[in-house]
Amino acid sequence: MPGDQSSLRLYRQGLRGTTSPGYGGTRLCGMTIDPRSHTPVYVQLADILREQIEAGELAPGSALPSEARMTQEYGVGREAVRMSISLLRSEGLVNTVRGHGSYVRELPQRRQVEVPPGGSVIARMPSGRERRVMQLDEGVPVLEIRDAKGDIEVMAGDEVELTRPPD
């Protein structure tokens, strides 16, 4: 069907615009959720929510729509909604408070940290212990900053902006 290819092409290109009617998907926010796409429905929903967050339509601290509302509005199942929120949580974009819902994560104020001459930086996901001790939200990486002597300092990746000393 021509509508299927047109809708899929618009989705993959991330373009806003109209799609051909009758393709069997749900059109919202200028993007389409197509259940026949090779892209899983939960990824398509996460893409829509991510776009709304990045565009400021869902501001830091604001609540995401409830699971029930998203299933109705986007025409997807509850499991797809939960998986899309889990994906956004793993990316550090949202927090979920059990019994209260999911919220757009507020980014902390960043401080500048200078990488010492001869030093190196490794970004990685924290261990469970590091997450608890450093009180990191899910999806937030840590940075291992190693100086020339080999000493390592571990910092929350969303709290620092790395700089190099001037040449």
N, C-alpha and C. Protein backbone atom coordinates (compact mmCIF):
# COMPACT_ATOMS: atom_id res chain seq x y z
N MET A 1 0.83 -1.19 0.00
CA MET A 1 0.00 0.00 0.00
C MET A 1 0.87 1.24 0.00
N PRO A 2 0.55 2.24 -0.79
CA PRO A 2 1.33 3.46 -0.80
C PRO A 2 1.33 4.16 0.54
N GLY A 3 0.23 4.13 1.27
CA GLY A 3 0.17 4.79 2.57
C GLY A 3 1.16 4.21 3.56
N ASP A 4 1.36 2.87 3.49
CA ASP A 4 2.29 2.23 4.41
C ASP A 4 3.70 2.75 4.20
N GLN A 5 4.18 2.77 2.98
CA GLN A 5 5.54 3.21 2.69
C GLN A 5 5.73 4.68 3.01
N SER A 6 4.73 5.50 2.68
CA SER A 6 4.81 6.93 2.96
C SER A 6 4.90 7.19 4.46
N SER A 7 4.07 6.51 5.22
CA SER A 7 4.06 6.70 6.67
C SER A 7 5.36 6.24 7.28
N LEU A 8 5.84 5.09 6.84
CA LEU A 8 7.09 4.56 7.37
C LEU A 8 8.25 5.48 7.02
N ARG A 9 8.27 6.00 5.80
CA ARG A 9 9.34 6.90 5.38
C ARG A 9 9.33 8.16 6.24
N LEU A 10 8.14 8.73 6.49
CA LEU A 10 8.04 9.93 7.33
C LEU A 10 8.52 9.64 8.74
N TYR A 11 8.15 8.47 9.27
CA TYR A 11 8.58 8.13 10.62
C TYR A 11 10.10 8.00 10.68
N ARG A 12 10.66 7.24 9.76
CA ARG A 12 12.11 7.01 9.79
C ARG A 12 12.90 8.30 9.60
N GLN A 13 12.40 9.20 8.79
CA GLN A 13 13.10 10.46 8.57
C GLN A 13 12.86 11.43 9.72
N GLY A 14 11.91 11.11 10.59
CA GLY A 14 11.61 11.98 11.71
C GLY A 14 10.95 13.28 11.29
N LEU A 15 10.29 13.26 10.14
CA LEU A 15 9.68 14.48 9.62
C LEU A 15 8.30 14.68 10.20
N ARG A 16 7.97 15.93 10.42
CA ARG A 16 6.60 16.27 10.80
C ARG A 16 5.82 16.48 9.51
N GLY A 17 4.57 16.20 9.56
CA GLY A 17 3.77 16.43 8.37
C GLY A 17 2.61 15.47 8.32
N THR A 18 1.88 15.55 7.26
CA THR A 18 0.71 14.69 7.13
C THR A 18 1.13 13.36 6.56
N THR A 19 0.37 12.38 6.87
CA THR A 19 0.61 11.05 6.33
C THR A 19 -0.66 10.63 5.60
N SER A 20 -0.52 9.65 4.78
CA SER A 20 -1.68 9.17 4.03
C SER A 20 -2.65 8.49 4.97
N PRO A 21 -3.93 8.77 4.83
CA PRO A 21 -4.92 8.12 5.69
C PRO A 21 -5.05 6.64 5.33
N GLY A 22 -5.50 5.87 6.30
CA GLY A 22 -5.81 4.48 6.03
C GLY A 22 -4.62 3.54 6.11
N TYR A 23 -3.50 3.97 6.67
CA TYR A 23 -2.34 3.09 6.74
C TYR A 23 -2.38 2.19 7.97
N GLY A 24 -3.27 2.49 8.92
CA GLY A 24 -3.42 1.61 10.08
C GLY A 24 -2.64 2.04 11.30
N GLY A 25 -1.99 3.18 11.28
CA GLY A 25 -1.23 3.65 12.44
C GLY A 25 -1.98 4.75 13.16
N THR A 26 -1.39 5.24 14.24
CA THR A 26 -1.96 6.33 15.00
C THR A 26 -1.06 7.54 14.84
N ARG A 27 -1.63 8.66 14.38
CA ARG A 27 -0.85 9.86 14.12
C ARG A 27 -1.04 10.84 15.26
N LEU A 28 0.05 11.19 15.92
CA LEU A 28 0.00 12.15 17.00
C LEU A 28 1.24 12.99 16.97
N CYS A 29 1.13 14.24 17.41
CA CYS A 29 2.28 15.13 17.54
C CYS A 29 3.09 15.19 16.26
N GLY A 30 2.46 14.98 15.12
CA GLY A 30 3.19 15.05 13.86
C GLY A 30 4.01 13.81 13.57
N MET A 31 4.05 12.86 14.48
CA MET A 31 4.77 11.61 14.23
C MET A 31 3.75 10.48 14.26
N THR A 32 4.13 9.39 13.68
CA THR A 32 3.22 8.27 13.51
C THR A 32 3.70 7.05 14.27
N ILE A 33 2.78 6.38 14.94
CA ILE A 33 3.08 5.06 15.50
C ILE A 33 2.45 4.07 14.55
N ASP A 34 3.30 3.28 13.94
CA ASP A 34 2.85 2.31 12.95
C ASP A 34 3.11 0.91 13.50
N PRO A 35 2.06 0.19 13.90
CA PRO A 35 2.24 -1.14 14.47
C PRO A 35 2.84 -2.15 13.50
N ARG A 36 2.83 -1.83 12.19
CA ARG A 36 3.41 -2.76 11.21
C ARG A 36 4.85 -2.42 10.87
N SER A 37 5.39 -1.39 11.48
CA SER A 37 6.76 -0.98 11.22
C SER A 37 7.75 -2.00 11.78
N HIS A 38 8.95 -2.01 11.23
CA HIS A 38 10.01 -2.86 11.78
C HIS A 38 10.54 -2.29 13.08
N THR A 39 10.27 -1.01 13.35
CA THR A 39 10.66 -0.39 14.61
C THR A 39 9.60 -0.73 15.65
N PRO A 40 10.00 -1.33 16.78
CA PRO A 40 9.00 -1.70 17.79
C PRO A 40 8.16 -0.50 18.23
N VAL A 41 6.91 -0.77 18.57
CA VAL A 41 5.97 0.28 18.96
C VAL A 41 6.51 1.07 20.16
N TYR A 42 7.11 0.37 21.14
CA TYR A 42 7.60 1.08 22.32
C TYR A 42 8.73 2.04 21.97
N VAL A 43 9.54 1.70 20.97
CA VAL A 43 10.62 2.60 20.53
C VAL A 43 10.01 3.81 19.83
N GLN A 44 8.98 3.58 19.02
CA GLN A 44 8.30 4.69 18.35
C GLN A 44 7.70 5.65 19.39
N LEU A 45 7.07 5.10 20.43
CA LEU A 45 6.50 5.95 21.47
C LEU A 45 7.59 6.69 22.24
N ALA A 46 8.68 6.00 22.55
CA ALA A 46 9.80 6.67 23.24
C ALA A 46 10.35 7.80 22.38
N ASP A 47 10.41 7.59 21.06
CA ASP A 47 10.88 8.65 20.16
C ASP A 47 9.97 9.88 20.23
N ILE A 48 8.67 9.65 20.27
CA ILE A 48 7.72 10.76 20.35
C ILE A 48 7.89 11.51 21.67
N LEU A 49 7.96 10.77 22.78
CA LEU A 49 8.12 11.41 24.08
C LEU A 49 9.46 12.14 24.17
N ARG A 50 10.52 11.52 23.64
CA ARG A 50 11.85 12.15 23.65
C ARG A 50 11.82 13.47 22.88
N GLU A 51 11.15 13.45 21.73
CA GLU A 51 11.04 14.67 20.93
C GLU A 51 10.30 15.76 21.71
N GLN A 52 9.24 15.38 22.42
CA GLN A 52 8.50 16.36 23.22
C GLN A 52 9.36 16.92 24.35
N ILE A 53 10.19 16.08 24.95
CA ILE A 53 11.09 16.54 26.01
C ILE A 53 12.14 17.49 25.44
N GLU A 54 12.76 17.08 24.34
CA GLU A 54 13.83 17.89 23.75
C GLU A 54 13.30 19.21 23.20
N ALA A 55 12.04 19.23 22.76
CA ALA A 55 11.44 20.46 22.23
C ALA A 55 10.91 21.35 23.35
N GLY A 56 10.92 20.86 24.58
CA GLY A 56 10.42 21.65 25.70
C GLY A 56 8.92 21.55 25.90
N GLU A 57 8.26 20.72 25.10
CA GLU A 57 6.81 20.53 25.27
C GLU A 57 6.52 19.82 26.59
N LEU A 58 7.43 18.97 27.02
CA LEU A 58 7.39 18.35 28.34
C LEU A 58 8.61 18.91 29.08
N ALA A 59 8.37 19.86 29.97
CA ALA A 59 9.45 20.58 30.65
C ALA A 59 10.04 19.77 31.80
N PRO A 60 11.29 20.07 32.18
CA PRO A 60 11.87 19.40 33.35
C PRO A 60 10.96 19.53 34.57
N GLY A 61 10.75 18.41 35.25
CA GLY A 61 9.88 18.39 36.42
C GLY A 61 8.43 18.09 36.12
N SER A 62 8.03 18.20 34.85
CA SER A 62 6.62 17.95 34.52
C SER A 62 6.35 16.45 34.41
N ALA A 63 5.12 16.09 34.70
CA ALA A 63 4.71 14.69 34.66
C ALA A 63 4.45 14.25 33.24
N LEU A 64 4.85 13.02 32.94
CA LEU A 64 4.45 12.40 31.68
C LEU A 64 2.97 12.03 31.82
N PRO A 65 2.26 11.91 30.71
CA PRO A 65 0.87 11.45 30.81
C PRO A 65 0.83 10.07 31.49
N SER A 66 -0.28 9.76 32.12
CA SER A 66 -0.43 8.46 32.79
C SER A 66 -0.37 7.33 31.77
N GLU A 67 -0.11 6.12 32.27
CA GLU A 67 -0.10 4.94 31.39
C GLU A 67 -1.43 4.81 30.67
N ALA A 68 -2.52 4.97 31.41
CA ALA A 68 -3.85 4.82 30.81
C ALA A 68 -4.07 5.85 29.71
N ARG A 69 -3.65 7.08 29.96
CA ARG A 69 -3.84 8.13 28.95
C ARG A 69 -3.00 7.84 27.70
N MET A 70 -1.75 7.39 27.90
CA MET A 70 -0.90 7.10 26.74
C MET A 70 -1.42 5.92 25.94
N THR A 71 -1.94 4.89 26.62
CA THR A 71 -2.48 3.75 25.87
C THR A 71 -3.65 4.20 25.01
N GLN A 72 -4.47 5.09 25.55
CA GLN A 72 -5.63 5.58 24.80
C GLN A 72 -5.20 6.54 23.69
N GLU A 73 -4.36 7.52 24.01
CA GLU A 73 -3.97 8.54 23.03
C GLU A 73 -3.12 7.97 21.90
N TYR A 74 -2.21 7.08 22.23
CA TYR A 74 -1.27 6.59 21.22
C TYR A 74 -1.69 5.26 20.61
N GLY A 75 -2.75 4.66 21.14
CA GLY A 75 -3.25 3.42 20.56
C GLY A 75 -2.31 2.25 20.72
N VAL A 76 -1.59 2.21 21.85
CA VAL A 76 -0.65 1.12 22.12
C VAL A 76 -1.04 0.45 23.43
N GLY A 77 -0.46 -0.70 23.68
CA GLY A 77 -0.74 -1.43 24.91
C GLY A 77 0.04 -0.88 26.10
N ARG A 78 -0.41 -1.25 27.27
CA ARG A 78 0.23 -0.80 28.52
C ARG A 78 1.69 -1.24 28.58
N GLU A 79 1.99 -2.44 28.11
CA GLU A 79 3.38 -2.93 28.14
C GLU A 79 4.27 -2.06 27.26
N ALA A 80 3.78 -1.64 26.11
CA ALA A 80 4.56 -0.75 25.23
C ALA A 80 4.83 0.58 25.92
N VAL A 81 3.84 1.10 26.64
CA VAL A 81 4.04 2.36 27.39
C VAL A 81 5.11 2.16 28.45
N ARG A 82 5.01 1.07 29.20
CA ARG A 82 6.00 0.81 30.26
C ARG A 82 7.40 0.64 29.70
N MET A 83 7.50 -0.06 28.57
CA MET A 83 8.82 -0.26 27.96
C MET A 83 9.39 1.05 27.43
N SER A 84 8.54 1.91 26.89
CA SER A 84 9.04 3.20 26.38
C SER A 84 9.53 4.07 27.53
N ILE A 85 8.81 4.07 28.64
CA ILE A 85 9.24 4.84 29.82
C ILE A 85 10.54 4.27 30.37
N SER A 86 10.65 2.95 30.39
CA SER A 86 11.89 2.32 30.85
C SER A 86 13.07 2.72 29.97
N LEU A 87 12.84 2.78 28.67
CA LEU A 87 13.90 3.19 27.74
C LEU A 87 14.32 4.63 28.03
N LEU A 88 13.36 5.52 28.22
CA LEU A 88 13.68 6.93 28.51
C LEU A 88 14.38 7.06 29.87
N ARG A 89 13.99 6.21 30.82
CA ARG A 89 14.64 6.22 32.13
C ARG A 89 16.09 5.77 32.00
N SER A 90 16.34 4.76 31.17
CA SER A 90 17.71 4.27 30.98
C SER A 90 18.58 5.30 30.27
N GLU A 91 17.95 6.22 29.55
CA GLU A 91 18.68 7.30 28.88
C GLU A 91 18.86 8.51 29.79
N GLY A 92 18.29 8.44 31.00
CA GLY A 92 18.43 9.54 31.94
C GLY A 92 17.49 10.70 31.68
N LEU A 93 16.44 10.48 30.89
CA LEU A 93 15.52 11.57 30.56
C LEU A 93 14.35 11.69 31.52
N VAL A 94 13.95 10.58 32.14
CA VAL A 94 12.81 10.62 33.06
C VAL A 94 13.13 9.85 34.34
N ASN A 95 12.41 10.18 35.39
CA ASN A 95 12.44 9.46 36.66
C ASN A 95 11.04 8.94 36.90
N THR A 96 10.94 7.80 37.56
CA THR A 96 9.64 7.25 37.91
C THR A 96 9.55 7.14 39.42
N VAL A 97 8.47 7.65 39.97
CA VAL A 97 8.22 7.54 41.40
C VAL A 97 7.05 6.58 41.56
N ARG A 98 7.32 5.44 42.19
CA ARG A 98 6.31 4.40 42.32
C ARG A 98 5.04 4.97 42.95
N GLY A 99 3.93 4.74 42.30
CA GLY A 99 2.64 5.21 42.79
C GLY A 99 2.31 6.65 42.42
N HIS A 100 3.27 7.36 41.81
CA HIS A 100 3.03 8.76 41.46
C HIS A 100 3.21 9.05 39.98
N GLY A 101 3.91 8.20 39.26
CA GLY A 101 4.09 8.40 37.83
C GLY A 101 5.52 8.72 37.44
N SER A 102 5.68 9.12 36.19
CA SER A 102 7.00 9.42 35.65
C SER A 102 7.09 10.91 35.34
N TYR A 103 8.28 11.45 35.56
CA TYR A 103 8.51 12.88 35.42
C TYR A 103 9.74 13.13 34.57
N VAL A 104 9.73 14.24 33.84
CA VAL A 104 10.90 14.63 33.07
C VAL A 104 11.98 15.01 34.08
N ARG A 105 13.13 14.43 33.91
CA ARG A 105 14.23 14.62 34.85
C ARG A 105 14.79 16.04 34.75
N GLU A 106 15.01 16.64 35.90
CA GLU A 106 15.64 17.95 35.95
C GLU A 106 17.14 17.73 35.95
N LEU A 107 17.83 18.40 35.05
CA LEU A 107 19.28 18.24 34.97
C LEU A 107 19.96 19.10 36.02
N PRO A 108 20.94 18.53 36.72
CA PRO A 108 21.64 19.30 37.73
C PRO A 108 22.52 20.38 37.10
N GLN A 109 22.88 21.36 37.90
CA GLN A 109 23.80 22.40 37.46
C GLN A 109 25.16 21.74 37.22
N ARG A 110 25.80 22.04 36.11
CA ARG A 110 27.12 21.45 35.82
C ARG A 110 28.23 22.35 36.33
N ARG A 111 29.29 21.71 36.81
CA ARG A 111 30.49 22.44 37.20
C ARG A 111 31.62 22.02 36.29
N GLN A 112 32.54 22.93 36.04
CA GLN A 112 33.66 22.62 35.16
C GLN A 112 34.75 21.89 35.94
N VAL A 113 35.24 20.82 35.34
CA VAL A 113 36.33 20.04 35.92
C VAL A 113 37.42 19.94 34.86
N GLU A 114 38.61 20.32 35.24
CA GLU A 114 39.73 20.29 34.30
C GLU A 114 40.38 18.91 34.30
N VAL A 115 40.55 18.35 33.12
CA VAL A 115 41.27 17.08 32.98
C VAL A 115 42.75 17.42 33.08
N PRO A 116 43.46 16.81 34.03
CA PRO A 116 44.86 17.18 34.22
C PRO A 116 45.73 16.82 33.01
N PRO A 117 46.82 17.56 32.80
CA PRO A 117 47.75 17.22 31.71
C PRO A 117 48.20 15.77 31.85
N GLY A 118 48.18 15.03 30.76
CA GLY A 118 48.56 13.62 30.79
C GLY A 118 47.45 12.72 31.33
N GLY A 119 46.31 13.30 31.64
CA GLY A 119 45.20 12.54 32.19
C GLY A 119 44.30 11.97 31.11
N SER A 120 43.38 11.13 31.53
CA SER A 120 42.43 10.53 30.59
C SER A 120 41.06 10.43 31.25
N VAL A 121 40.05 10.23 30.42
CA VAL A 121 38.68 10.13 30.91
C VAL A 121 38.02 8.91 30.27
N ILE A 122 37.31 8.16 31.09
CA ILE A 122 36.52 7.03 30.60
C ILE A 122 35.10 7.24 31.10
N ALA A 123 34.15 7.17 30.19
CA ALA A 123 32.73 7.24 30.55
C ALA A 123 32.18 5.82 30.57
N ARG A 124 31.42 5.50 31.61
CA ARG A 124 30.83 4.16 31.72
C ARG A 124 29.59 4.25 32.59
N MET A 125 28.82 3.19 32.57
CA MET A 125 27.65 3.12 33.45
C MET A 125 28.13 2.70 34.84
N PRO A 126 27.53 3.25 35.88
CA PRO A 126 27.97 2.93 37.24
C PRO A 126 27.52 1.55 37.69
N SER A 127 28.23 1.02 38.67
CA SER A 127 27.80 -0.22 39.30
C SER A 127 26.59 0.11 40.17
N GLY A 128 25.89 -0.91 40.63
CA GLY A 128 24.75 -0.68 41.52
C GLY A 128 25.17 0.03 42.79
N ARG A 129 26.31 -0.34 43.32
CA ARG A 129 26.82 0.30 44.54
C ARG A 129 27.12 1.78 44.29
N GLU A 130 27.78 2.08 43.17
CA GLU A 130 28.08 3.48 42.83
C GLU A 130 26.79 4.29 42.68
N ARG A 131 25.79 3.68 42.04
CA ARG A 131 24.51 4.39 41.88
C ARG A 131 23.91 4.75 43.22
N ARG A 132 23.96 3.80 44.17
CA ARG A 132 23.39 4.07 45.49
C ARG A 132 24.21 5.11 46.25
N VAL A 133 25.52 4.92 46.30
CA VAL A 133 26.39 5.82 47.07
C VAL A 133 26.37 7.24 46.49
N MET A 134 26.42 7.34 45.16
CA MET A 134 26.44 8.66 44.51
C MET A 134 25.04 9.21 44.27
N GLN A 135 24.01 8.42 44.61
CA GLN A 135 22.61 8.79 44.43
C GLN A 135 22.33 9.20 42.98
N LEU A 136 22.72 8.33 42.06
CA LEU A 136 22.55 8.60 40.64
C LEU A 136 21.21 8.07 40.15
N ASP A 137 20.57 8.83 39.29
CA ASP A 137 19.37 8.35 38.63
C ASP A 137 19.75 7.30 37.59
N GLU A 138 18.81 6.42 37.29
CA GLU A 138 19.05 5.42 36.26
C GLU A 138 19.36 6.12 34.94
N GLY A 139 20.35 5.60 34.22
CA GLY A 139 20.72 6.15 32.92
C GLY A 139 21.83 7.19 32.98
N VAL A 140 22.24 7.58 34.18
CA VAL A 140 23.30 8.59 34.31
C VAL A 140 24.65 7.88 34.36
N PRO A 141 25.56 8.20 33.43
CA PRO A 141 26.88 7.57 33.44
C PRO A 141 27.80 8.21 34.48
N VAL A 142 28.90 7.55 34.75
CA VAL A 142 29.95 8.13 35.57
C VAL A 142 31.17 8.36 34.68
N LEU A 143 31.99 9.29 35.10
CA LEU A 143 33.24 9.57 34.41
C LEU A 143 34.38 9.22 35.34
N GLU A 144 35.31 8.42 34.85
CA GLU A 144 36.54 8.12 35.59
C GLU A 144 37.61 9.05 35.05
N ILE A 145 38.07 9.96 35.89
CA ILE A 145 39.11 10.90 35.48
C ILE A 145 40.41 10.44 36.12
N ARG A 146 41.36 10.07 35.26
CA ARG A 146 42.65 9.54 35.72
C ARG A 146 43.71 10.60 35.47
N ASP A 147 44.50 10.89 36.52
CA ASP A 147 45.59 11.85 36.33
C ASP A 147 46.84 11.13 35.85
N ALA A 148 47.91 11.87 35.61
CA ALA A 148 49.15 11.30 35.05
C ALA A 148 49.76 10.25 35.98
N LYS A 149 49.51 10.34 37.29
CA LYS A 149 50.05 9.37 38.25
C LYS A 149 49.21 8.10 38.31
N GLY A 150 48.04 8.12 37.71
CA GLY A 150 47.17 6.94 37.72
C GLY A 150 46.07 7.01 38.75
N ASP A 151 46.02 8.09 39.54
CA ASP A 151 44.94 8.23 40.52
C ASP A 151 43.63 8.49 39.78
N ILE A 152 42.56 7.88 40.26
CA ILE A 152 41.25 7.98 39.60
C ILE A 152 40.25 8.68 40.50
N GLU A 153 39.47 9.58 39.90
CA GLU A 153 38.34 10.20 40.58
C GLU A 153 37.10 9.88 39.75
N VAL A 154 36.06 9.41 40.41
CA VAL A 154 34.81 9.05 39.72
C VAL A 154 33.78 10.13 40.01
N MET A 155 33.15 10.63 38.94
CA MET A 155 32.17 11.71 39.06
C MET A 155 30.91 11.38 38.27
N ALA A 156 29.80 11.95 38.71
CA ALA A 156 28.54 11.79 37.99
C ALA A 156 28.64 12.52 36.65
N GLY A 157 28.37 11.82 35.58
CA GLY A 157 28.52 12.38 34.24
C GLY A 157 27.61 13.54 33.92
N ASP A 158 26.49 13.66 34.62
CA ASP A 158 25.57 14.75 34.33
C ASP A 158 25.84 16.00 35.17
N GLU A 159 26.87 15.93 36.02
CA GLU A 159 27.16 17.06 36.90
C GLU A 159 28.42 17.82 36.53
N VAL A 160 29.16 17.31 35.56
CA VAL A 160 30.43 17.96 35.22
C VAL A 160 30.53 18.27 33.74
N GLU A 161 31.30 19.29 33.45
CA GLU A 161 31.68 19.64 32.08
C GLU A 161 33.20 19.59 32.07
N LEU A 162 33.74 18.69 31.28
CA LEU A 162 35.19 18.51 31.25
C LEU A 162 35.86 19.57 30.40
N THR A 163 36.98 20.07 30.89
CA THR A 163 37.77 21.05 30.13
C THR A 163 39.22 20.58 30.13
N ARG A 164 39.96 21.05 29.17
CA ARG A 164 41.41 20.79 29.10
C ARG A 164 42.12 22.09 29.44
N PRO A 165 43.30 21.99 30.06
CA PRO A 165 44.06 23.21 30.34
C PRO A 165 44.51 23.84 29.03
N PRO A 166 44.62 25.17 29.00
CA PRO A 166 45.07 25.82 27.77
C PRO A 166 46.48 25.36 27.39
N ASP A 167 46.75 25.29 26.10
CA ASP A 167 48.07 24.85 25.63
C ASP A 167 49.13 25.86 25.93
